[in-house]
């Protein structure tokens, strides 16, 4: 089961069974005709408590997709995030120059 995590005011909230694109589209749609909207979310770990967040164009909200534990990356490795040796910047040693 996929859920989306929202960070709002330094606190994390969740929305079950929705991905980030769906949540973002819902917020975009809600703010299209109104200056603000109420977004239904869940608060807390374990037994979630229903909550609503007041969202406006000036509200800083982070939307994060939380993956299932058994879901894996395509190649299952973090190596794709590392730069290959040949593209890493070379270190430059600076010292006294001889004339």
PDB file of N, CA and C in Angstrom:
ATOM      1  N   UNK A   1       0.846  -1.178   0.000  1.00  0.00           N
ATOM      2  CA  UNK A   1       0.000   0.000   0.000  1.00  0.00           C
ATOM      3  C   UNK A   1       0.886   1.235   0.000  1.00  0.00           C
ATOM      4  N   UNK A   2       0.616   2.144  -0.886  1.00  0.00           N
ATOM      5  CA  UNK A   2       1.374   3.373  -1.008  1.00  0.00           C
ATOM      6  C   UNK A   2       0.677   4.455  -0.194  1.00  0.00           C
ATOM      7  N   UNK A   3       1.450   5.316   0.405  1.00  0.00           N
ATOM      8  CA  UNK A   3       0.878   6.471   1.078  1.00  0.00           C
ATOM      9  C   UNK A   3       1.762   7.664   0.804  1.00  0.00           C
ATOM     10  N   UNK A   4       1.181   8.829   0.900  1.00  0.00           N
ATOM     11  CA  UNK A   4       1.917  10.063   0.691  1.00  0.00           C
ATOM     12  C   UNK A   4       2.097  10.750   2.031  1.00  0.00           C
ATOM     13  N   UNK A   5       3.302  11.219   2.272  1.00  0.00           N
ATOM     14  CA  UNK A   5       3.617  11.939   3.495  1.00  0.00           C
ATOM     15  C   UNK A   5       3.683  13.420   3.159  1.00  0.00           C
ATOM     16  N   UNK A   6       3.033  14.249   3.971  1.00  0.00           N
ATOM     17  CA  UNK A   6       3.103  15.694   3.823  1.00  0.00           C
ATOM     18  C   UNK A   6       3.770  16.276   5.050  1.00  0.00           C
ATOM     19  N   UNK A   7       4.665  17.217   4.832  1.00  0.00           N
ATOM     20  CA  UNK A   7       5.257  17.956   5.936  1.00  0.00           C
ATOM     21  C   UNK A   7       4.630  19.337   5.917  1.00  0.00           C
ATOM     22  N   UNK A   8       4.014  19.702   7.025  1.00  0.00           N
ATOM     23  CA  UNK A   8       3.267  20.954   7.132  1.00  0.00           C
ATOM     24  C   UNK A   8       3.545  21.533   8.517  1.00  0.00           C
ATOM     25  N   UNK A   9       4.143  22.707   8.570  1.00  0.00           N
ATOM     26  CA  UNK A   9       4.442  23.329   9.854  1.00  0.00           C
ATOM     27  C   UNK A   9       5.389  22.514  10.719  1.00  0.00           C
ATOM     28  N   UNK A  10       6.276  21.737  10.092  1.00  0.00           N
ATOM     29  CA  UNK A  10       7.237  20.939  10.832  1.00  0.00           C
ATOM     30  C   UNK A  10       6.701  19.612  11.338  1.00  0.00           C
ATOM     31  N   UNK A  11       5.457  19.293  11.024  1.00  0.00           N
ATOM     32  CA  UNK A  11       4.839  18.037  11.448  1.00  0.00           C
ATOM     33  C   UNK A  11       4.504  17.207  10.219  1.00  0.00           C
ATOM     34  N   UNK A  12       4.627  15.879  10.355  1.00  0.00           N
ATOM     35  CA  UNK A  12       4.303  14.995   9.235  1.00  0.00           C
ATOM     36  C   UNK A  12       2.868  14.482   9.339  1.00  0.00           C
ATOM     37  N   UNK A  13       2.206  14.487   8.198  1.00  0.00           N
ATOM     38  CA  UNK A  13       0.850  13.967   8.052  1.00  0.00           C
ATOM     39  C   UNK A  13       0.882  12.981   6.895  1.00  0.00           C
ATOM     40  N   UNK A  14      -0.125  12.117   6.795  1.00  0.00           N
ATOM     41  CA  UNK A  14      -0.159  11.142   5.715  1.00  0.00           C
ATOM     42  C   UNK A  14      -1.514  11.132   5.020  1.00  0.00           C
ATOM     43  N   UNK A  15      -1.483  10.682   3.773  1.00  0.00           N
ATOM     44  CA  UNK A  15      -2.691  10.412   2.995  1.00  0.00           C
ATOM     45  C   UNK A  15      -2.508   9.014   2.428  1.00  0.00           C
ATOM     46  N   UNK A  16      -3.402   8.108   2.775  1.00  0.00           N
ATOM     47  CA  UNK A  16      -3.292   6.714   2.335  1.00  0.00           C
ATOM     48  C   UNK A  16      -3.778   6.553   0.903  1.00  0.00           C
ATOM     49  N   UNK A  17      -3.162   5.613   0.200  1.00  0.00           N
ATOM     50  CA  UNK A  17      -3.567   5.182  -1.141  1.00  0.00           C
ATOM     51  C   UNK A  17      -3.579   6.285  -2.190  1.00  0.00           C
ATOM     52  N   UNK A  18      -2.733   7.282  -2.042  1.00  0.00           N
ATOM     53  CA  UNK A  18      -2.599   8.324  -3.062  1.00  0.00           C
ATOM     54  C   UNK A  18      -1.121   8.600  -3.277  1.00  0.00           C
ATOM     55  N   UNK A  19      -0.742   8.829  -4.535  1.00  0.00           N
ATOM     56  CA  UNK A  19       0.645   9.166  -4.819  1.00  0.00           C
ATOM     57  C   UNK A  19       0.814  10.683  -4.844  1.00  0.00           C
ATOM     58  N   UNK A  20       2.047  11.128  -4.954  1.00  0.00           N
ATOM     59  CA  UNK A  20       2.331  12.560  -4.897  1.00  0.00           C
ATOM     60  C   UNK A  20       1.635  13.332  -6.018  1.00  0.00           C
ATOM     61  N   UNK A  21       1.571  12.739  -7.208  1.00  0.00           N
ATOM     62  CA  UNK A  21       0.944  13.428  -8.340  1.00  0.00           C
ATOM     63  C   UNK A  21      -0.542  13.676  -8.073  1.00  0.00           C
ATOM     64  N   UNK A  22      -1.232  12.709  -7.481  1.00  0.00           N
ATOM     65  CA  UNK A  22      -2.657  12.854  -7.185  1.00  0.00           C
ATOM     66  C   UNK A  22      -2.885  13.930  -6.132  1.00  0.00           C
ATOM     67  N   UNK A  23      -2.072  13.917  -5.084  1.00  0.00           N
ATOM     68  CA  UNK A  23      -2.205  14.919  -4.022  1.00  0.00           C
ATOM     69  C   UNK A  23      -1.905  16.307  -4.578  1.00  0.00           C
ATOM     70  N   UNK A  24      -0.845  16.426  -5.351  1.00  0.00           N
ATOM     71  CA  UNK A  24      -0.499  17.717  -5.932  1.00  0.00           C
ATOM     72  C   UNK A  24      -1.609  18.221  -6.853  1.00  0.00           C
ATOM     73  N   UNK A  25      -2.172  17.342  -7.656  1.00  0.00           N
ATOM     74  CA  UNK A  25      -3.263  17.730  -8.560  1.00  0.00           C
ATOM     75  C   UNK A  25      -4.486  18.177  -7.759  1.00  0.00           C
ATOM     76  N   UNK A  26      -4.752  17.510  -6.645  1.00  0.00           N
ATOM     77  CA  UNK A  26      -5.889  17.880  -5.802  1.00  0.00           C
ATOM     78  C   UNK A  26      -5.678  19.265  -5.186  1.00  0.00           C
ATOM     79  N   UNK A  27      -4.459  19.558  -4.749  1.00  0.00           N
ATOM     80  CA  UNK A  27      -4.154  20.881  -4.193  1.00  0.00           C
ATOM     81  C   UNK A  27      -4.242  21.939  -5.280  1.00  0.00           C
ATOM     82  N   UNK A  28      -3.661  21.676  -6.443  1.00  0.00           N
ATOM     83  CA  UNK A  28      -3.727  22.622  -7.562  1.00  0.00           C
ATOM     84  C   UNK A  28      -5.173  22.931  -7.922  1.00  0.00           C
ATOM     85  N   UNK A  29      -6.002  21.901  -8.013  1.00  0.00           N
ATOM     86  CA  UNK A  29      -7.407  22.063  -8.360  1.00  0.00           C
ATOM     87  C   UNK A  29      -8.154  22.849  -7.279  1.00  0.00           C
ATOM     88  N   UNK A  30      -7.874  22.548  -6.020  1.00  0.00           N
ATOM     89  CA  UNK A  30      -8.546  23.228  -4.914  1.00  0.00           C
ATOM     90  C   UNK A  30      -8.216  24.706  -4.829  1.00  0.00           C
ATOM     91  N   UNK A  31      -6.991  25.074  -5.234  1.00  0.00           N
ATOM     92  CA  UNK A  31      -6.572  26.475  -5.166  1.00  0.00           C
ATOM     93  C   UNK A  31      -6.861  27.249  -6.451  1.00  0.00           C
ATOM     94  N   UNK A  32      -7.312  26.556  -7.477  1.00  0.00           N
ATOM     95  CA  UNK A  32      -7.558  27.212  -8.762  1.00  0.00           C
ATOM     96  C   UNK A  32      -8.637  28.293  -8.652  1.00  0.00           C
ATOM     97  N   UNK A  33      -9.720  28.008  -7.923  1.00  0.00           N
ATOM     98  CA  UNK A  33     -10.844  28.940  -7.847  1.00  0.00           C
ATOM     99  C   UNK A  33     -11.014  29.592  -6.482  1.00  0.00           C
ATOM    100  N   UNK A  34     -10.265  29.145  -5.485  1.00  0.00           N
ATOM    101  CA  UNK A  34     -10.424  29.654  -4.122  1.00  0.00           C
ATOM    102  C   UNK A  34      -9.075  30.132  -3.589  1.00  0.00           C
ATOM    103  N   UNK A  35      -9.075  31.064  -2.627  1.00  0.00           N
ATOM    104  CA  UNK A  35      -7.808  31.533  -2.068  1.00  0.00           C
ATOM    105  C   UNK A  35      -7.179  30.534  -1.085  1.00  0.00           C
ATOM    106  N   UNK A  36      -7.942  29.558  -0.641  1.00  0.00           N
ATOM    107  CA  UNK A  36      -7.431  28.526   0.260  1.00  0.00           C
ATOM    108  C   UNK A  36      -8.308  27.286   0.146  1.00  0.00           C
ATOM    109  N   UNK A  37      -7.829  26.183   0.724  1.00  0.00           N
ATOM    110  CA  UNK A  37      -8.609  24.939   0.737  1.00  0.00           C
ATOM    111  C   UNK A  37      -8.267  24.164   1.998  1.00  0.00           C
ATOM    112  N   UNK A  38      -9.128  23.252   2.362  1.00  0.00           N
ATOM    113  CA  UNK A  38      -8.880  22.336   3.474  1.00  0.00           C
ATOM    114  C   UNK A  38      -8.527  20.977   2.890  1.00  0.00           C
ATOM    115  N   UNK A  39      -7.412  20.410   3.314  1.00  0.00           N
ATOM    116  CA  UNK A  39      -6.945  19.118   2.818  1.00  0.00           C
ATOM    117  C   UNK A  39      -7.073  18.090   3.934  1.00  0.00           C
ATOM    118  N   UNK A  40      -7.827  17.023   3.677  1.00  0.00           N
ATOM    119  CA  UNK A  40      -8.001  15.967   4.679  1.00  0.00           C
ATOM    120  C   UNK A  40      -6.783  15.052   4.680  1.00  0.00           C
ATOM    121  N   UNK A  41      -6.221  14.840   5.872  1.00  0.00           N
ATOM    122  CA  UNK A  41      -5.024  14.031   6.053  1.00  0.00           C
ATOM    123  C   UNK A  41      -5.185  13.189   7.306  1.00  0.00           C
ATOM    124  N   UNK A  42      -4.177  12.385   7.598  1.00  0.00           N
ATOM    125  CA  UNK A  42      -4.124  11.617   8.840  1.00  0.00           C
ATOM    126  C   UNK A  42      -2.927  12.090   9.640  1.00  0.00           C
ATOM    127  N   UNK A  43      -3.083  12.078  10.964  1.00  0.00           N
ATOM    128  CA  UNK A  43      -2.005  12.492  11.859  1.00  0.00           C
ATOM    129  C   UNK A  43      -1.676  11.344  12.799  1.00  0.00           C
ATOM    130  N   UNK A  44      -0.391  11.137  13.041  1.00  0.00           N
ATOM    131  CA  UNK A  44       0.040  10.162  14.039  1.00  0.00           C
ATOM    132  C   UNK A  44       0.490   8.855  13.431  1.00  0.00           C
ATOM    133  N   UNK A  45       1.279   8.123  14.227  1.00  0.00           N
ATOM    134  CA  UNK A  45       1.758   6.803  13.833  1.00  0.00           C
ATOM    135  C   UNK A  45       0.837   5.745  14.419  1.00  0.00           C
ATOM    136  N   UNK A  46       0.827   4.590  13.781  1.00  0.00           N
ATOM    137  CA  UNK A  46      -0.050   3.519  14.268  1.00  0.00           C
ATOM    138  C   UNK A  46      -1.488   3.826  13.915  1.00  0.00           C
ATOM    139  N   UNK A  47      -2.268   4.124  14.895  1.00  0.00           N
ATOM    140  CA  UNK A  47      -3.677   4.458  14.669  1.00  0.00           C
ATOM    141  C   UNK A  47      -3.771   5.931  14.273  1.00  0.00           C
ATOM    142  N   UNK A  48      -4.045   6.173  13.018  1.00  0.00           N
ATOM    143  CA  UNK A  48      -4.067   7.535  12.492  1.00  0.00           C
ATOM    144  C   UNK A  48      -5.319   8.271  12.935  1.00  0.00           C
ATOM    145  N   UNK A  49      -5.142   9.550  13.222  1.00  0.00           N
ATOM    146  CA  UNK A  49      -6.247  10.421  13.604  1.00  0.00           C
ATOM    147  C   UNK A  49      -6.535  11.354  12.435  1.00  0.00           C
ATOM    148  N   UNK A  50      -7.796  11.439  11.995  1.00  0.00           N
ATOM    149  CA  UNK A  50      -8.120  12.350  10.894  1.00  0.00           C
ATOM    150  C   UNK A  50      -7.836  13.806  11.284  1.00  0.00           C
ATOM    151  N   UNK A  51      -7.334  14.566  10.323  1.00  0.00           N
ATOM    152  CA  UNK A  51      -7.042  15.981  10.522  1.00  0.00           C
ATOM    153  C   UNK A  51      -7.265  16.712   9.205  1.00  0.00           C
ATOM    154  N   UNK A  52      -7.376  18.025   9.266  1.00  0.00           N
ATOM    155  CA  UNK A  52      -7.469  18.836   8.060  1.00  0.00           C
ATOM    156  C   UNK A  52      -6.424  19.939   8.129  1.00  0.00           C
ATOM    157  N   UNK A  53      -5.809  20.217   6.985  1.00  0.00           N
ATOM    158  CA  UNK A  53      -4.787  21.257   6.894  1.00  0.00           C
ATOM    159  C   UNK A  53      -5.309  22.400   6.039  1.00  0.00           C
ATOM    160  N   UNK A  54      -5.090  23.620   6.479  1.00  0.00           N
ATOM    161  CA  UNK A  54      -5.461  24.790   5.707  1.00  0.00           C
ATOM    162  C   UNK A  54      -4.331  25.073   4.717  1.00  0.00           C
ATOM    163  N   UNK A  55      -4.627  24.967   3.425  1.00  0.00           N
ATOM    164  CA  UNK A  55      -3.636  25.141   2.367  1.00  0.00           C
ATOM    165  C   UNK A  55      -3.957  26.412   1.594  1.00  0.00           C
ATOM    166  N   UNK A  56      -2.930  27.238   1.373  1.00  0.00           N
ATOM    167  CA  UNK A  56      -3.062  28.440   0.548  1.00  0.00           C
ATOM    168  C   UNK A  56      -1.844  28.516  -0.367  1.00  0.00           C
ATOM    169  N   UNK A  57      -1.843  29.438  -1.327  1.00  0.00           N
ATOM    170  CA  UNK A  57      -0.670  29.539  -2.198  1.00  0.00           C
ATOM    171  C   UNK A  57       0.623  29.850  -1.439  1.00  0.00           C
ATOM    172  N   UNK A  58       0.529  30.453  -0.275  1.00  0.00           N
ATOM    173  CA  UNK A  58       1.725  30.804   0.496  1.00  0.00           C
ATOM    174  C   UNK A  58       2.096  29.744   1.532  1.00  0.00           C
ATOM    175  N   UNK A  59       1.375  28.624   1.558  1.00  0.00           N
ATOM    176  CA  UNK A  59       1.631  27.574   2.541  1.00  0.00           C
ATOM    177  C   UNK A  59       2.775  26.684   2.080  1.00  0.00           C
ATOM    178  N   UNK A  60       3.856  26.593   2.866  1.00  0.00           N
ATOM    179  CA  UNK A  60       4.927  25.662   2.497  1.00  0.00           C
ATOM    180  C   UNK A  60       4.546  24.229   2.882  1.00  0.00           C
ATOM    181  N   UNK A  61       4.389  23.386   1.877  1.00  0.00           N
ATOM    182  CA  UNK A  61       4.027  21.986   2.078  1.00  0.00           C
ATOM    183  C   UNK A  61       4.979  21.129   1.262  1.00  0.00           C
ATOM    184  N   UNK A  62       5.543  20.111   1.888  1.00  0.00           N
ATOM    185  CA  UNK A  62       6.363  19.140   1.165  1.00  0.00           C
ATOM    186  C   UNK A  62       5.526  17.889   0.971  1.00  0.00           C
ATOM    187  N   UNK A  63       5.520  17.347  -0.241  1.00  0.00           N
ATOM    188  CA  UNK A  63       4.756  16.143  -0.557  1.00  0.00           C
ATOM    189  C   UNK A  63       5.753  15.047  -0.908  1.00  0.00           C
ATOM    190  N   UNK A  64       5.711  13.935  -0.147  1.00  0.00           N
ATOM    191  CA  UNK A  64       6.694  12.867  -0.293  1.00  0.00           C
ATOM    192  C   UNK A  64       5.981  11.535  -0.473  1.00  0.00           C
ATOM    193  N   UNK A  65       6.353  10.751  -1.494  1.00  0.00           N
ATOM    194  CA  UNK A  65       5.799   9.411  -1.659  1.00  0.00           C
ATOM    195  C   UNK A  65       6.602   8.445  -0.814  1.00  0.00           C
ATOM    196  N   UNK A  66       5.926   7.745   0.050  1.00  0.00           N
ATOM    197  CA  UNK A  66       6.585   6.730   0.862  1.00  0.00           C
ATOM    198  C   UNK A  66       6.382   5.391   0.175  1.00  0.00           C
ATOM    199  N   UNK A  67       7.486   4.708  -0.111  1.00  0.00           N
ATOM    200  CA  UNK A  67       7.406   3.435  -0.826  1.00  0.00           C
ATOM    201  C   UNK A  67       7.156   2.297   0.144  1.00  0.00           C
ATOM    202  N   UNK A  68       6.607   1.208  -0.385  1.00  0.00           N
ATOM    203  CA  UNK A  68       6.433  -0.004   0.402  1.00  0.00           C
ATOM    204  C   UNK A  68       7.794  -0.567   0.760  1.00  0.00           C
ATOM    205  N   UNK A  69       7.866  -1.273   1.859  1.00  0.00           N
ATOM    206  CA  UNK A  69       9.114  -1.871   2.309  1.00  0.00           C
ATOM    207  C   UNK A  69       9.633  -2.868   1.290  1.00  0.00           C
ATOM    208  N   UNK A  70       8.741  -3.622   0.657  1.00  0.00           N
ATOM    209  CA  UNK A  70       9.168  -4.645  -0.295  1.00  0.00           C
ATOM    210  C   UNK A  70       9.405  -4.104  -1.701  1.00  0.00           C
ATOM    211  N   UNK A  71       9.154  -2.822  -1.927  1.00  0.00           N
ATOM    212  CA  UNK A  71       9.388  -2.204  -3.230  1.00  0.00           C
ATOM    213  C   UNK A  71      10.870  -1.884  -3.364  1.00  0.00           C
ATOM    214  N   UNK A  72      11.475  -2.244  -4.509  1.00  0.00           N
ATOM    215  CA  UNK A  72      12.901  -2.038  -4.706  1.00  0.00           C
ATOM    216  C   UNK A  72      13.156  -1.122  -5.885  1.00  0.00           C
ATOM    217  N   UNK A  73      14.362  -0.540  -5.892  1.00  0.00           N
ATOM    218  CA  UNK A  73      14.792   0.250  -7.041  1.00  0.00           C
ATOM    219  C   UNK A  73      14.963  -0.676  -8.227  1.00  0.00           C
ATOM    220  N   UNK A  74      15.045  -0.080  -9.424  1.00  0.00           N
ATOM    221  CA  UNK A  74      15.219  -0.870 -10.637  1.00  0.00           C
ATOM    222  C   UNK A  74      16.453  -1.750 -10.562  1.00  0.00           C
ATOM    223  N   UNK A  75      17.568  -1.179 -10.102  1.00  0.00           N
ATOM    224  CA  UNK A  75      18.787  -1.974 -10.036  1.00  0.00           C
ATOM    225  C   UNK A  75      19.144  -2.353  -8.599  1.00  0.00           C
ATOM    226  N   UNK A  76      18.346  -1.907  -7.618  1.00  0.00           N
ATOM    227  CA  UNK A  76      18.555  -2.294  -6.236  1.00  0.00           C
ATOM    228  C   UNK A  76      19.850  -1.781  -5.628  1.00  0.00           C
ATOM    229  N   UNK A  77      20.400  -0.707  -6.172  1.00  0.00           N
ATOM    230  CA  UNK A  77      21.692  -0.236  -5.706  1.00  0.00           C
ATOM    231  C   UNK A  77      21.697   1.279  -5.593  1.00  0.00           C
ATOM    232  N   UNK A  78      22.460   1.783  -4.627  1.00  0.00           N
ATOM    233  CA  UNK A  78      22.623   3.223  -4.518  1.00  0.00           C
ATOM    234  C   UNK A  78      23.776   3.704  -5.393  1.00  0.00           C
ATOM    235  N   UNK A  79      24.460   2.805  -6.042  1.00  0.00           N
ATOM    236  CA  UNK A  79      25.622   3.167  -6.851  1.00  0.00           C
ATOM    237  C   UNK A  79      25.257   4.142  -7.961  1.00  0.00           C
ATOM    238  N   UNK A  80      24.036   4.136  -8.421  1.00  0.00           N
ATOM    239  CA  UNK A  80      23.667   5.046  -9.500  1.00  0.00           C
ATOM    240  C   UNK A  80      23.694   6.501  -9.062  1.00  0.00           C
ATOM    241  N   UNK A  81      23.741   6.743  -7.757  1.00  0.00           N
ATOM    242  CA  UNK A  81      23.803   8.107  -7.263  1.00  0.00           C
ATOM    243  C   UNK A  81      25.235   8.620  -7.140  1.00  0.00           C
ATOM    244  N   UNK A  82      26.208   7.754  -7.297  1.00  0.00           N
ATOM    245  CA  UNK A  82      27.602   8.141  -7.175  1.00  0.00           C
ATOM    246  C   UNK A  82      28.157   8.537  -8.532  1.00  0.00           C
ATOM    247  N   UNK A  83      29.024   9.515  -8.519  1.00  0.00           N
ATOM    248  CA  UNK A  83      29.656   9.932  -9.766  1.00  0.00           C
ATOM    249  C   UNK A  83      30.759   8.959 -10.131  1.00  0.00           C
ATOM    250  N   UNK A  84      30.898   8.623 -11.405  1.00  0.00           N
ATOM    251  CA  UNK A  84      32.022   7.788 -11.821  1.00  0.00           C
ATOM    252  C   UNK A  84      33.333   8.519 -11.541  1.00  0.00           C
ATOM    253  N   UNK A  85      34.403   7.763 -11.346  1.00  0.00           N
ATOM    254  CA  UNK A  85      35.704   8.341 -11.030  1.00  0.00           C
ATOM    255  C   UNK A  85      36.141   9.407 -12.030  1.00  0.00           C
ATOM    256  N   UNK A  86      35.937   9.169 -13.328  1.00  0.00           N
ATOM    257  CA  UNK A  86      36.441  10.092 -14.326  1.00  0.00           C
ATOM    258  C   UNK A  86      35.688  11.426 -14.321  1.00  0.00           C
ATOM    259  N   UNK A  87      34.497  11.520 -13.746  1.00  0.00           N
ATOM    260  CA  UNK A  87      33.773  12.787 -13.746  1.00  0.00           C
ATOM    261  C   UNK A  87      33.906  13.532 -12.426  1.00  0.00           C
ATOM    262  N   UNK A  88      34.552  12.916 -11.454  1.00  0.00           N
ATOM    263  CA  UNK A  88      34.760  13.610 -10.187  1.00  0.00           C
ATOM    264  C   UNK A  88      35.818  14.680 -10.375  1.00  0.00           C
ATOM    265  N   UNK A  89      35.637  15.849  -9.730  1.00  0.00           N
ATOM    266  CA  UNK A  89      36.636  16.905  -9.891  1.00  0.00           C
ATOM    267  C   UNK A  89      37.964  16.495  -9.264  1.00  0.00           C
ATOM    268  N   UNK A  90      39.033  16.864  -9.933  1.00  0.00           N
ATOM    269  CA  UNK A  90      40.367  16.564  -9.413  1.00  0.00           C
ATOM    270  C   UNK A  90      40.718  17.588  -8.348  1.00  0.00           C
ATOM    271  N   UNK A  91      41.437  17.149  -7.332  1.00  0.00           N
ATOM    272  CA  UNK A  91      41.859  18.099  -6.306  1.00  0.00           C
ATOM    273  C   UNK A  91      43.063  18.891  -6.830  1.00  0.00           C
ATOM    274  N   UNK A  92      43.148  20.097  -6.419  1.00  0.00           N
ATOM    275  CA  UNK A  92      44.226  20.965  -6.853  1.00  0.00           C
ATOM    276  C   UNK A  92      45.050  21.311  -5.617  1.00  0.00           C
ATOM    277  N   UNK A  93      46.327  21.035  -5.706  1.00  0.00           N
ATOM    278  CA  UNK A  93      47.210  21.376  -4.600  1.00  0.00           C
ATOM    279  C   UNK A  93      47.801  22.742  -4.870  1.00  0.00           C
ATOM    280  N   UNK A  94      47.707  23.608  -3.896  1.00  0.00           N
ATOM    281  CA  UNK A  94      48.251  24.942  -4.048  1.00  0.00           C
ATOM    282  C   UNK A  94      49.417  25.065  -3.085  1.00  0.00           C
ATOM    283  N   UNK A  95      50.527  25.465  -3.598  1.00  0.00           N
ATOM    284  CA  UNK A  95      51.720  25.633  -2.775  1.00  0.00           C
ATOM    285  C   UNK A  95      52.591  26.706  -3.369  1.00  0.00           C
ATOM    286  N   UNK A  96      53.770  26.904  -2.801  1.00  0.00           N
ATOM    287  CA  UNK A  96      54.669  27.925  -3.344  1.00  0.00           C
ATOM    288  C   UNK A  96      55.106  27.558  -4.759  1.00  0.00           C
ATOM    289  N   UNK A  97      55.212  28.548  -5.574  1.00  0.00           N
ATOM    290  CA  UNK A  97      55.657  28.326  -6.944  1.00  0.00           C
ATOM    291  C   UNK A  97      57.138  28.662  -7.058  1.00  0.00           C
ATOM    292  N   UNK A  98      57.832  27.910  -7.891  1.00  0.00           N
ATOM    293  CA  UNK A  98      59.254  28.170  -8.100  1.00  0.00           C
ATOM    294  C   UNK A  98      59.425  28.984  -9.373  1.00  0.00           C
ATOM    295  N   UNK A  99      60.313  29.972  -9.321  1.00  0.00           N
ATOM    296  CA  UNK A  99      60.593  30.792 -10.510  1.00  0.00           C
ATOM    297  C   UNK A  99      61.945  30.496 -11.041  1.00  0.00           C
TER     298      UNK A  99
END
